[in-house]
Amino acid sequence: MLEQAARKELFKQIFGDDDQKFEEQEKVIAGLPLVNLEISAYTDGEDDCIVGDMLTCKLRVTYNNLKKGQ
């Protein structure tokens, strides 16, 4: 989630001024999905969950770096 300039500063601290390796790193980062995960768990009609209750779990995954339909 870092901006490219911030990643480059960290890269220089670790690997020095190897522009080719930095570009390889950027290609890998571009291929990775950036996601947000939201989860909720609840029991319908109840404020609290206790042993034996039927639990409903919902998970929502949002891909931040993919265009709609990809």
PDB file of N, CA and C in Angstrom:
ATOM      1  N   MET A   1       0.819  -1.194   0.000  1.00  0.00           N
ATOM      2  CA  MET A   1       0.000   0.000   0.000  1.00  0.00           C
ATOM      3  C   MET A   1       0.867   1.264   0.000  1.00  0.00           C
ATOM      4  N   LEU A   2       2.173   1.110   0.138  1.00  0.00           N
ATOM      5  CA  LEU A   2       3.065   2.272   0.102  1.00  0.00           C
ATOM      6  C   LEU A   2       3.122   2.862  -1.302  1.00  0.00           C
ATOM      7  N   GLU A   3       3.329   4.155  -1.364  1.00  0.00           N
ATOM      8  CA  GLU A   3       3.553   4.810  -2.645  1.00  0.00           C
ATOM      9  C   GLU A   3       4.900   4.351  -3.196  1.00  0.00           C
ATOM     10  N   GLN A   4       5.059   4.429  -4.505  1.00  0.00           N
ATOM     11  CA  GLN A   4       6.285   3.951  -5.147  1.00  0.00           C
ATOM     12  C   GLN A   4       7.530   4.656  -4.603  1.00  0.00           C
ATOM     13  N   ALA A   5       7.460   5.949  -4.339  1.00  0.00           N
ATOM     14  CA  ALA A   5       8.617   6.691  -3.815  1.00  0.00           C
ATOM     15  C   ALA A   5       9.037   6.150  -2.449  1.00  0.00           C
ATOM     16  N   ALA A   6       8.079   5.829  -1.599  1.00  0.00           N
ATOM     17  CA  ALA A   6       8.385   5.275  -0.281  1.00  0.00           C
ATOM     18  C   ALA A   6       8.991   3.879  -0.408  1.00  0.00           C
ATOM     19  N   ARG A   7       8.453   3.076  -1.347  1.00  0.00           N
ATOM     20  CA  ARG A   7       9.019   1.741  -1.565  1.00  0.00           C
ATOM     21  C   ARG A   7      10.458   1.852  -2.060  1.00  0.00           C
ATOM     22  N   LYS A   8      10.720   2.831  -2.925  1.00  0.00           N
ATOM     23  CA  LYS A   8      12.067   2.991  -3.469  1.00  0.00           C
ATOM     24  C   LYS A   8      13.056   3.356  -2.365  1.00  0.00           C
ATOM     25  N   GLU A   9      12.673   4.220  -1.438  1.00  0.00           N
ATOM     26  CA  GLU A   9      13.542   4.585  -0.313  1.00  0.00           C
ATOM     27  C   GLU A   9      13.876   3.357   0.531  1.00  0.00           C
ATOM     28  N   LEU A  10      12.863   2.563   0.855  1.00  0.00           N
ATOM     29  CA  LEU A  10      13.104   1.336   1.625  1.00  0.00           C
ATOM     30  C   LEU A  10      13.990   0.372   0.853  1.00  0.00           C
ATOM     31  N   PHE A  11      13.733   0.248  -0.438  1.00  0.00           N
ATOM     32  CA  PHE A  11      14.523  -0.646  -1.286  1.00  0.00           C
ATOM     33  C   PHE A  11      15.992  -0.240  -1.256  1.00  0.00           C
ATOM     34  N   LYS A  12      16.266   1.066  -1.387  1.00  0.00           N
ATOM     35  CA  LYS A  12      17.642   1.554  -1.383  1.00  0.00           C
ATOM     36  C   LYS A  12      18.345   1.234  -0.067  1.00  0.00           C
ATOM     37  N   GLN A  13      17.629   1.358   1.033  1.00  0.00           N
ATOM     38  CA  GLN A  13      18.207   1.069   2.350  1.00  0.00           C
ATOM     39  C   GLN A  13      18.612  -0.399   2.463  1.00  0.00           C
ATOM     40  N   ILE A  14      17.859  -1.268   1.831  1.00  0.00           N
ATOM     41  CA  ILE A  14      18.110  -2.707   1.955  1.00  0.00           C
ATOM     42  C   ILE A  14      19.041  -3.215   0.863  1.00  0.00           C
ATOM     43  N   PHE A  15      18.781  -2.830  -0.397  1.00  0.00           N
ATOM     44  CA  PHE A  15      19.485  -3.419  -1.533  1.00  0.00           C
ATOM     45  C   PHE A  15      20.436  -2.463  -2.253  1.00  0.00           C
ATOM     46  N   GLY A  16      20.433  -1.205  -1.892  1.00  0.00           N
ATOM     47  CA  GLY A  16      21.276  -0.244  -2.594  1.00  0.00           C
ATOM     48  C   GLY A  16      20.589   0.288  -3.840  1.00  0.00           C
ATOM     49  N   ASP A  17      21.383   0.808  -4.782  1.00  0.00           N
ATOM     50  CA  ASP A  17      20.839   1.456  -5.985  1.00  0.00           C
ATOM     51  C   ASP A  17      20.767   0.515  -7.182  1.00  0.00           C
ATOM     52  N   ASP A  18      20.100  -0.596  -7.051  1.00  0.00           N
ATOM     53  CA  ASP A  18      19.959  -1.545  -8.153  1.00  0.00           C
ATOM     54  C   ASP A  18      18.610  -1.312  -8.827  1.00  0.00           C
ATOM     55  N   ASP A  19      18.600  -0.444  -9.854  1.00  0.00           N
ATOM     56  CA  ASP A  19      17.344  -0.076 -10.517  1.00  0.00           C
ATOM     57  C   ASP A  19      16.661  -1.265 -11.181  1.00  0.00           C
ATOM     58  N   GLN A  20      17.437  -2.201 -11.704  1.00  0.00           N
ATOM     59  CA  GLN A  20      16.834  -3.363 -12.367  1.00  0.00           C
ATOM     60  C   GLN A  20      16.051  -4.208 -11.364  1.00  0.00           C
ATOM     61  N   LYS A  21      16.636  -4.435 -10.184  1.00  0.00           N
ATOM     62  CA  LYS A  21      15.922  -5.217  -9.160  1.00  0.00           C
ATOM     63  C   LYS A  21      14.692  -4.461  -8.660  1.00  0.00           C
ATOM     64  N   PHE A  22      14.801  -3.149  -8.573  1.00  0.00           N
ATOM     65  CA  PHE A  22      13.641  -2.364  -8.137  1.00  0.00           C
ATOM     66  C   PHE A  22      12.501  -2.497  -9.141  1.00  0.00           C
ATOM     67  N   GLU A  23      12.818  -2.433 -10.425  1.00  0.00           N
ATOM     68  CA  GLU A  23      11.782  -2.591 -11.449  1.00  0.00           C
ATOM     69  C   GLU A  23      11.156  -3.981 -11.398  1.00  0.00           C
ATOM     70  N   GLU A  24      11.957  -5.005 -11.125  1.00  0.00           N
ATOM     71  CA  GLU A  24      11.413  -6.362 -10.961  1.00  0.00           C
ATOM     72  C   GLU A  24      10.457  -6.400  -9.783  1.00  0.00           C
ATOM     73  N   GLN A  25      10.860  -5.762  -8.689  1.00  0.00           N
ATOM     74  CA  GLN A  25       9.994  -5.706  -7.506  1.00  0.00           C
ATOM     75  C   GLN A  25       8.671  -5.036  -7.849  1.00  0.00           C
ATOM     76  N   GLU A  26       8.708  -3.950  -8.600  1.00  0.00           N
ATOM     77  CA  GLU A  26       7.496  -3.226  -8.956  1.00  0.00           C
ATOM     78  C   GLU A  26       6.572  -4.076  -9.827  1.00  0.00           C
ATOM     79  N   LYS A  27       7.135  -4.882 -10.712  1.00  0.00           N
ATOM     80  CA  LYS A  27       6.317  -5.778 -11.543  1.00  0.00           C
ATOM     81  C   LYS A  27       5.604  -6.815 -10.679  1.00  0.00           C
ATOM     82  N   VAL A  28       6.311  -7.334  -9.686  1.00  0.00           N
ATOM     83  CA  VAL A  28       5.706  -8.320  -8.781  1.00  0.00           C
ATOM     84  C   VAL A  28       4.573  -7.671  -7.986  1.00  0.00           C
ATOM     85  N   ILE A  29       4.837  -6.484  -7.461  1.00  0.00           N
ATOM     86  CA  ILE A  29       3.816  -5.783  -6.672  1.00  0.00           C
ATOM     87  C   ILE A  29       2.581  -5.504  -7.520  1.00  0.00           C
ATOM     88  N   ALA A  30       2.779  -5.121  -8.772  1.00  0.00           N
ATOM     89  CA  ALA A  30       1.650  -4.835  -9.664  1.00  0.00           C
ATOM     90  C   ALA A  30       0.789  -6.079  -9.900  1.00  0.00           C
ATOM     91  N   GLY A  31       1.384  -7.261  -9.809  1.00  0.00           N
ATOM     92  CA  GLY A  31       0.649  -8.501 -10.033  1.00  0.00           C
ATOM     93  C   GLY A  31      -0.063  -9.033  -8.803  1.00  0.00           C
ATOM     94  N   LEU A  32       0.236  -8.476  -7.634  1.00  0.00           N
ATOM     95  CA  LEU A  32      -0.394  -8.947  -6.406  1.00  0.00           C
ATOM     96  C   LEU A  32      -1.728  -8.248  -6.186  1.00  0.00           C
ATOM     97  N   PRO A  33      -2.724  -8.980  -5.715  1.00  0.00           N
ATOM     98  CA  PRO A  33      -4.000  -8.321  -5.425  1.00  0.00           C
ATOM     99  C   PRO A  33      -3.907  -7.515  -4.126  1.00  0.00           C
ATOM    100  N   LEU A  34      -4.470  -6.319  -4.143  1.00  0.00           N
ATOM    101  CA  LEU A  34      -4.622  -5.518  -2.932  1.00  0.00           C
ATOM    102  C   LEU A  34      -6.073  -5.668  -2.500  1.00  0.00           C
ATOM    103  N   VAL A  35      -6.283  -6.218  -1.317  1.00  0.00           N
ATOM    104  CA  VAL A  35      -7.642  -6.526  -0.893  1.00  0.00           C
ATOM    105  C   VAL A  35      -7.964  -5.941   0.469  1.00  0.00           C
ATOM    106  N   ASN A  36      -9.230  -5.662   0.669  1.00  0.00           N
ATOM    107  CA  ASN A  36      -9.787  -5.356   1.985  1.00  0.00           C
ATOM    108  C   ASN A  36     -10.717  -6.503   2.340  1.00  0.00           C
ATOM    109  N   LEU A  37     -10.649  -6.946   3.574  1.00  0.00           N
ATOM    110  CA  LEU A  37     -11.545  -8.001   4.045  1.00  0.00           C
ATOM    111  C   LEU A  37     -12.427  -7.444   5.151  1.00  0.00           C
ATOM    112  N   GLU A  38     -13.716  -7.707   5.033  1.00  0.00           N
ATOM    113  CA  GLU A  38     -14.666  -7.339   6.077  1.00  0.00           C
ATOM    114  C   GLU A  38     -15.404  -8.610   6.484  1.00  0.00           C
ATOM    115  N   ILE A  39     -15.490  -8.850   7.780  1.00  0.00           N
ATOM    116  CA  ILE A  39     -16.209 -10.042   8.243  1.00  0.00           C
ATOM    117  C   ILE A  39     -17.169  -9.640   9.354  1.00  0.00           C
ATOM    118  N   SER A  40     -18.309 -10.273   9.337  1.00  0.00           N
ATOM    119  CA  SER A  40     -19.262 -10.081  10.426  1.00  0.00           C
ATOM    120  C   SER A  40     -19.793 -11.448  10.834  1.00  0.00           C
ATOM    121  N   ALA A  41     -20.025 -11.594  12.118  1.00  0.00           N
ATOM    122  CA  ALA A  41     -20.578 -12.838  12.656  1.00  0.00           C
ATOM    123  C   ALA A  41     -21.677 -12.458  13.652  1.00  0.00           C
ATOM    124  N   TYR A  42     -22.814 -13.108  13.522  1.00  0.00           N
ATOM    125  CA  TYR A  42     -23.936 -12.767  14.392  1.00  0.00           C
ATOM    126  C   TYR A  42     -24.917 -13.923  14.464  1.00  0.00           C
ATOM    127  N   THR A  43     -25.809 -13.822  15.438  1.00  0.00           N
ATOM    128  CA  THR A  43     -26.914 -14.763  15.582  1.00  0.00           C
ATOM    129  C   THR A  43     -28.195 -13.993  15.300  1.00  0.00           C
ATOM    130  N   ASP A  44     -28.969 -14.448  14.329  1.00  0.00           N
ATOM    131  CA  ASP A  44     -30.204 -13.752  13.958  1.00  0.00           C
ATOM    132  C   ASP A  44     -31.123 -13.591  15.159  1.00  0.00           C
ATOM    133  N   GLY A  45     -31.587 -12.369  15.386  1.00  0.00           N
ATOM    134  CA  GLY A  45     -32.559 -12.098  16.432  1.00  0.00           C
ATOM    135  C   GLY A  45     -31.994 -12.063  17.832  1.00  0.00           C
ATOM    136  N   GLU A  46     -30.693 -12.152  18.006  1.00  0.00           N
ATOM    137  CA  GLU A  46     -30.080 -12.159  19.337  1.00  0.00           C
ATOM    138  C   GLU A  46     -29.010 -11.079  19.426  1.00  0.00           C
ATOM    139  N   ASP A  47     -28.859 -10.489  20.604  1.00  0.00           N
ATOM    140  CA  ASP A  47     -27.790  -9.514  20.828  1.00  0.00           C
ATOM    141  C   ASP A  47     -26.471 -10.195  21.153  1.00  0.00           C
ATOM    142  N   ASP A  48     -26.532 -11.349  21.797  1.00  0.00           N
ATOM    143  CA  ASP A  48     -25.328 -12.087  22.192  1.00  0.00           C
ATOM    144  C   ASP A  48     -25.340 -13.478  21.578  1.00  0.00           C
ATOM    145  N   CYS A  49     -24.157 -14.036  21.404  1.00  0.00           N
ATOM    146  CA  CYS A  49     -24.012 -15.412  20.925  1.00  0.00           C
ATOM    147  C   CYS A  49     -23.607 -16.288  22.103  1.00  0.00           C
ATOM    148  N   ILE A  50     -24.282 -17.412  22.254  1.00  0.00           N
ATOM    149  CA  ILE A  50     -23.918 -18.358  23.306  1.00  0.00           C
ATOM    150  C   ILE A  50     -23.738 -19.742  22.674  1.00  0.00           C
ATOM    151  N   VAL A  51     -23.170 -20.651  23.452  1.00  0.00           N
ATOM    152  CA  VAL A  51     -22.932 -22.004  22.974  1.00  0.00           C
ATOM    153  C   VAL A  51     -24.249 -22.628  22.507  1.00  0.00           C
ATOM    154  N   GLY A  52     -24.225 -23.200  21.320  1.00  0.00           N
ATOM    155  CA  GLY A  52     -25.402 -23.842  20.770  1.00  0.00           C
ATOM    156  C   GLY A  52     -26.168 -22.976  19.787  1.00  0.00           C
ATOM    157  N   ASP A  53     -25.897 -21.655  19.765  1.00  0.00           N
ATOM    158  CA  ASP A  53     -26.566 -20.774  18.811  1.00  0.00           C
ATOM    159  C   ASP A  53     -26.062 -21.040  17.396  1.00  0.00           C
ATOM    160  N   MET A  54     -26.937 -20.835  16.423  1.00  0.00           N
ATOM    161  CA  MET A  54     -26.546 -20.911  15.018  1.00  0.00           C
ATOM    162  C   MET A  54     -25.925 -19.569  14.648  1.00  0.00           C
ATOM    163  N   LEU A  55     -24.666 -19.595  14.227  1.00  0.00           N
ATOM    164  CA  LEU A  55     -23.920 -18.381  13.914  1.00  0.00           C
ATOM    165  C   LEU A  55     -23.906 -18.149  12.405  1.00  0.00           C
ATOM    166  N   THR A  56     -24.181 -16.921  12.009  1.00  0.00           N
ATOM    167  CA  THR A  56     -24.099 -16.533  10.601  1.00  0.00           C
ATOM    168  C   THR A  56     -22.827 -15.720  10.421  1.00  0.00           C
ATOM    169  N   CYS A  57     -21.995 -16.102   9.445  1.00  0.00           N
ATOM    170  CA  CYS A  57     -20.752 -15.383   9.150  1.00  0.00           C
ATOM    171  C   CYS A  57     -20.821 -14.877   7.715  1.00  0.00           C
ATOM    172  N   LYS A  58     -20.461 -13.622   7.539  1.00  0.00           N
ATOM    173  CA  LYS A  58     -20.408 -13.030   6.207  1.00  0.00           C
ATOM    174  C   LYS A  58     -19.014 -12.459   5.996  1.00  0.00           C
ATOM    175  N   LEU A  59     -18.456 -12.725   4.825  1.00  0.00           N
ATOM    176  CA  LEU A  59     -17.139 -12.238   4.461  1.00  0.00           C
ATOM    177  C   LEU A  59     -17.256 -11.476   3.148  1.00  0.00           C
ATOM    178  N   ARG A  60     -16.709 -10.264   3.125  1.00  0.00           N
ATOM    179  CA  ARG A  60     -16.719  -9.455   1.898  1.00  0.00           C
ATOM    180  C   ARG A  60     -15.272  -9.160   1.535  1.00  0.00           C
ATOM    181  N   VAL A  61     -14.899  -9.492   0.304  1.00  0.00           N
ATOM    182  CA  VAL A  61     -13.559  -9.234  -0.203  1.00  0.00           C
ATOM    183  C   VAL A  61     -13.670  -8.160  -1.278  1.00  0.00           C
ATOM    184  N   THR A  62     -12.917  -7.080  -1.119  1.00  0.00           N
ATOM    185  CA  THR A  62     -12.889  -6.006  -2.106  1.00  0.00           C
ATOM    186  C   THR A  62     -11.480  -5.952  -2.690  1.00  0.00           C
ATOM    187  N   TYR A  63     -11.379  -6.121  -4.007  1.00  0.00           N
ATOM    188  CA  TYR A  63     -10.089  -6.033  -4.699  1.00  0.00           C
ATOM    189  C   TYR A  63      -9.874  -4.591  -5.115  1.00  0.00           C
ATOM    190  N   ASN A  64      -8.892  -3.939  -4.513  1.00  0.00           N
ATOM    191  CA  ASN A  64      -8.675  -2.520  -4.729  1.00  0.00           C
ATOM    192  C   ASN A  64      -7.956  -2.191  -6.032  1.00  0.00           C
ATOM    193  N   ASN A  65      -7.166  -3.103  -6.556  1.00  0.00           N
ATOM    194  CA  ASN A  65      -6.374  -2.757  -7.734  1.00  0.00           C
ATOM    195  C   ASN A  65      -6.839  -3.480  -9.010  1.00  0.00           C
ATOM    196  N   LEU A  66      -8.046  -4.001  -9.003  1.00  0.00           N
ATOM    197  CA  LEU A  66      -8.600  -4.616 -10.210  1.00  0.00           C
ATOM    198  C   LEU A  66      -9.785  -3.805 -10.681  1.00  0.00           C
ATOM    199  N   LYS A  67      -9.882  -3.641 -12.001  1.00  0.00           N
ATOM    200  CA  LYS A  67     -11.035  -2.953 -12.558  1.00  0.00           C
ATOM    201  C   LYS A  67     -12.246  -3.868 -12.492  1.00  0.00           C
ATOM    202  N   LYS A  68     -13.424  -3.287 -12.442  1.00  0.00           N
ATOM    203  CA  LYS A  68     -14.657  -4.062 -12.375  1.00  0.00           C
ATOM    204  C   LYS A  68     -14.744  -4.993 -13.582  1.00  0.00           C
ATOM    205  N   GLY A  69     -15.049  -6.265 -13.337  1.00  0.00           N
ATOM    206  CA  GLY A  69     -15.184  -7.245 -14.399  1.00  0.00           C
ATOM    207  C   GLY A  69     -13.929  -8.055 -14.656  1.00  0.00           C
ATOM    208  N   GLN A  70     -12.827  -7.734 -13.997  1.00  0.00           N
ATOM    209  CA  GLN A  70     -11.593  -8.514 -14.205  1.00  0.00           C
ATOM    210  C   GLN A  70     -11.597  -9.724 -13.325  1.00  0.00           C
TER     211      GLN A  70
END
